[in-house]
């Protein structure tokens, strides 16, 4: 039995604003927010929060329900460009698959 890593990633819109001495980063479609002392730290913390949110939902078997409650639905086409002013951040979601994989399978 072999293990393989499949890399998924989400491209999500992120909004960053400064409040006092903190930067607040948010992904409104997924209702996930974080903060940091710098803009980069806030965005990095948001990426980690998004990874934890998606990973936790996946492990508990609630990802489909969470996405439905957030208003997501399947789409047969890609709308393309983000809304004006949206900053897009890529969120890596590493997944490990354990399957019977033969060395000469390909």
C-alpha atoms as a PDB file:
ATOM      1  CA  UNK A   1       0.000   0.000   0.000  1.00  0.00           C
ATOM      2  CA  UNK A   2       1.438   3.367  -0.964  1.00  0.00           C
ATOM      3  CA  UNK A   3       0.684   6.903   0.072  1.00  0.00           C
ATOM      4  CA  UNK A   4       0.404   9.846  -2.229  1.00  0.00           C
ATOM      5  CA  UNK A   5      -0.205  13.496  -1.610  1.00  0.00           C
ATOM      6  CA  UNK A   6      -2.734  15.337  -3.738  1.00  0.00           C
ATOM      7  CA  UNK A   7      -2.556  19.092  -3.547  1.00  0.00           C
ATOM      8  CA  UNK A   8      -5.800  21.020  -3.652  1.00  0.00           C
ATOM      9  CA  UNK A   9      -6.005  24.766  -3.311  1.00  0.00           C
ATOM     10  CA  UNK A  10      -8.707  27.376  -3.045  1.00  0.00           C
ATOM     11  CA  UNK A  11      -8.440  30.781  -4.640  1.00  0.00           C
ATOM     12  CA  UNK A  12     -10.440  33.017  -2.344  1.00  0.00           C
ATOM     13  CA  UNK A  13     -11.200  36.737  -2.243  1.00  0.00           C
ATOM     14  CA  UNK A  14      -9.637  38.467   0.744  1.00  0.00           C
ATOM     15  CA  UNK A  15     -10.332  41.880   2.203  1.00  0.00           C
ATOM     16  CA  UNK A  16      -7.747  43.526   4.473  1.00  0.00           C
ATOM     17  CA  UNK A  17      -8.288  46.655   6.540  1.00  0.00           C
ATOM     18  CA  UNK A  18      -6.448  48.335   9.353  1.00  0.00           C
ATOM     19  CA  UNK A  19      -8.145  48.966  12.693  1.00  0.00           C
ATOM     20  CA  UNK A  20      -6.017  50.627  15.327  1.00  0.00           C
ATOM     21  CA  UNK A  21      -2.703  48.820  15.488  1.00  0.00           C
ATOM     22  CA  UNK A  22      -4.054  45.641  13.869  1.00  0.00           C
ATOM     23  CA  UNK A  23      -4.761  44.458  10.342  1.00  0.00           C
ATOM     24  CA  UNK A  24      -7.951  42.459   9.903  1.00  0.00           C
ATOM     25  CA  UNK A  25      -8.095  39.981   7.003  1.00  0.00           C
ATOM     26  CA  UNK A  26     -11.332  38.344   6.008  1.00  0.00           C
ATOM     27  CA  UNK A  27     -12.733  35.908   3.501  1.00  0.00           C
ATOM     28  CA  UNK A  28     -16.395  36.912   3.451  1.00  0.00           C
ATOM     29  CA  UNK A  29     -17.679  34.022   1.277  1.00  0.00           C
ATOM     30  CA  UNK A  30     -16.404  31.497   3.847  1.00  0.00           C
ATOM     31  CA  UNK A  31     -17.077  33.778   6.850  1.00  0.00           C
ATOM     32  CA  UNK A  32     -13.503  33.333   8.150  1.00  0.00           C
ATOM     33  CA  UNK A  33     -11.441  36.194   9.572  1.00  0.00           C
ATOM     34  CA  UNK A  34      -8.078  36.711  11.256  1.00  0.00           C
ATOM     35  CA  UNK A  35      -5.746  39.492  12.324  1.00  0.00           C
ATOM     36  CA  UNK A  36      -2.083  40.392  12.568  1.00  0.00           C
ATOM     37  CA  UNK A  37       0.288  43.228  13.414  1.00  0.00           C
ATOM     38  CA  UNK A  38       1.112  43.585   9.690  1.00  0.00           C
ATOM     39  CA  UNK A  39      -0.953  43.065   6.552  1.00  0.00           C
ATOM     40  CA  UNK A  40       1.181  40.064   5.583  1.00  0.00           C
ATOM     41  CA  UNK A  41       0.780  38.505   9.032  1.00  0.00           C
ATOM     42  CA  UNK A  42      -2.990  39.000   8.904  1.00  0.00           C
ATOM     43  CA  UNK A  43      -3.202  37.323   5.487  1.00  0.00           C
ATOM     44  CA  UNK A  44      -0.928  34.453   6.568  1.00  0.00           C
ATOM     45  CA  UNK A  45      -3.060  33.968   9.694  1.00  0.00           C
ATOM     46  CA  UNK A  46      -6.186  33.987   7.518  1.00  0.00           C
ATOM     47  CA  UNK A  47      -4.732  31.309   5.229  1.00  0.00           C
ATOM     48  CA  UNK A  48      -4.030  29.159   8.301  1.00  0.00           C
ATOM     49  CA  UNK A  49      -7.551  29.784   9.651  1.00  0.00           C
ATOM     50  CA  UNK A  50      -9.049  28.786   6.281  1.00  0.00           C
ATOM     51  CA  UNK A  51      -6.943  25.612   6.208  1.00  0.00           C
ATOM     52  CA  UNK A  52      -8.116  24.732   9.718  1.00  0.00           C
ATOM     53  CA  UNK A  53     -11.763  25.492   8.873  1.00  0.00           C
ATOM     54  CA  UNK A  54     -11.810  23.395   5.682  1.00  0.00           C
ATOM     55  CA  UNK A  55      -9.737  20.609   7.252  1.00  0.00           C
ATOM     56  CA  UNK A  56     -11.928  20.463  10.352  1.00  0.00           C
ATOM     57  CA  UNK A  57     -15.134  20.351   8.303  1.00  0.00           C
ATOM     58  CA  UNK A  58     -13.678  17.617   6.088  1.00  0.00           C
ATOM     59  CA  UNK A  59     -12.584  15.489   9.075  1.00  0.00           C
ATOM     60  CA  UNK A  60     -16.005  15.832  10.736  1.00  0.00           C
ATOM     61  CA  UNK A  61     -17.861  15.106   7.499  1.00  0.00           C
ATOM     62  CA  UNK A  62     -19.587  18.499   7.574  1.00  0.00           C
ATOM     63  CA  UNK A  63     -17.875  20.275   4.667  1.00  0.00           C
ATOM     64  CA  UNK A  64     -20.807  19.878   2.286  1.00  0.00           C
ATOM     65  CA  UNK A  65     -23.295  21.152   4.877  1.00  0.00           C
ATOM     66  CA  UNK A  66     -21.049  24.087   5.872  1.00  0.00           C
ATOM     67  CA  UNK A  67     -20.667  25.155   2.230  1.00  0.00           C
ATOM     68  CA  UNK A  68     -24.418  24.868   1.656  1.00  0.00           C
ATOM     69  CA  UNK A  69     -25.115  26.995   4.743  1.00  0.00           C
ATOM     70  CA  UNK A  70     -22.684  29.606   3.393  1.00  0.00           C
ATOM     71  CA  UNK A  71     -24.690  29.759   0.159  1.00  0.00           C
ATOM     72  CA  UNK A  72     -22.437  27.687  -2.106  1.00  0.00           C
ATOM     73  CA  UNK A  73     -23.924  25.547  -4.850  1.00  0.00           C
ATOM     74  CA  UNK A  74     -22.473  23.582  -7.773  1.00  0.00           C
ATOM     75  CA  UNK A  75     -21.832  25.521 -10.944  1.00  0.00           C
ATOM     76  CA  UNK A  76     -21.155  24.182 -14.413  1.00  0.00           C
ATOM     77  CA  UNK A  77     -19.170  27.254 -15.416  1.00  0.00           C
ATOM     78  CA  UNK A  78     -16.524  29.538 -14.004  1.00  0.00           C
ATOM     79  CA  UNK A  79     -17.456  33.206 -13.749  1.00  0.00           C
ATOM     80  CA  UNK A  80     -13.874  34.319 -14.304  1.00  0.00           C
ATOM     81  CA  UNK A  81     -12.644  37.599 -12.861  1.00  0.00           C
ATOM     82  CA  UNK A  82     -13.191  38.458  -9.183  1.00  0.00           C
ATOM     83  CA  UNK A  83     -15.198  41.465  -8.077  1.00  0.00           C
ATOM     84  CA  UNK A  84     -13.474  44.806  -8.512  1.00  0.00           C
ATOM     85  CA  UNK A  85     -10.927  45.416  -5.785  1.00  0.00           C
ATOM     86  CA  UNK A  86     -10.910  41.835  -4.508  1.00  0.00           C
ATOM     87  CA  UNK A  87      -7.506  40.465  -3.612  1.00  0.00           C
ATOM     88  CA  UNK A  88      -7.226  36.757  -4.418  1.00  0.00           C
ATOM     89  CA  UNK A  89      -5.184  34.507  -2.131  1.00  0.00           C
ATOM     90  CA  UNK A  90      -4.373  30.862  -2.818  1.00  0.00           C
ATOM     91  CA  UNK A  91      -4.995  28.549   0.151  1.00  0.00           C
ATOM     92  CA  UNK A  92      -3.164  25.194  -0.138  1.00  0.00           C
ATOM     93  CA  UNK A  93      -5.099  22.201   1.185  1.00  0.00           C
ATOM     94  CA  UNK A  94      -2.732  19.200   1.329  1.00  0.00           C
ATOM     95  CA  UNK A  95      -4.506  15.843   1.384  1.00  0.00           C
ATOM     96  CA  UNK A  96      -2.923  12.446   1.889  1.00  0.00           C
ATOM     97  CA  UNK A  97      -4.459   9.459   0.088  1.00  0.00           C
ATOM     98  CA  UNK A  98      -3.615   5.933   1.151  1.00  0.00           C
ATOM     99  CA  UNK A  99      -4.373   3.492  -1.647  1.00  0.00           C
ATOM    100  CA  UNK A 100      -2.982   0.381  -3.243  1.00  0.00           C
ATOM    101  CA  UNK A 101      -0.648   1.896  -5.807  1.00  0.00           C
ATOM    102  CA  UNK A 102       1.542  -0.255  -7.982  1.00  0.00           C
ATOM    103  CA  UNK A 103       4.903   1.192  -8.934  1.00  0.00           C
ATOM    104  CA  UNK A 104       4.259   0.619 -12.649  1.00  0.00           C
ATOM    105  CA  UNK A 105       0.600   1.717 -12.658  1.00  0.00           C
ATOM    106  CA  UNK A 106       1.168   4.554 -15.135  1.00  0.00           C
END
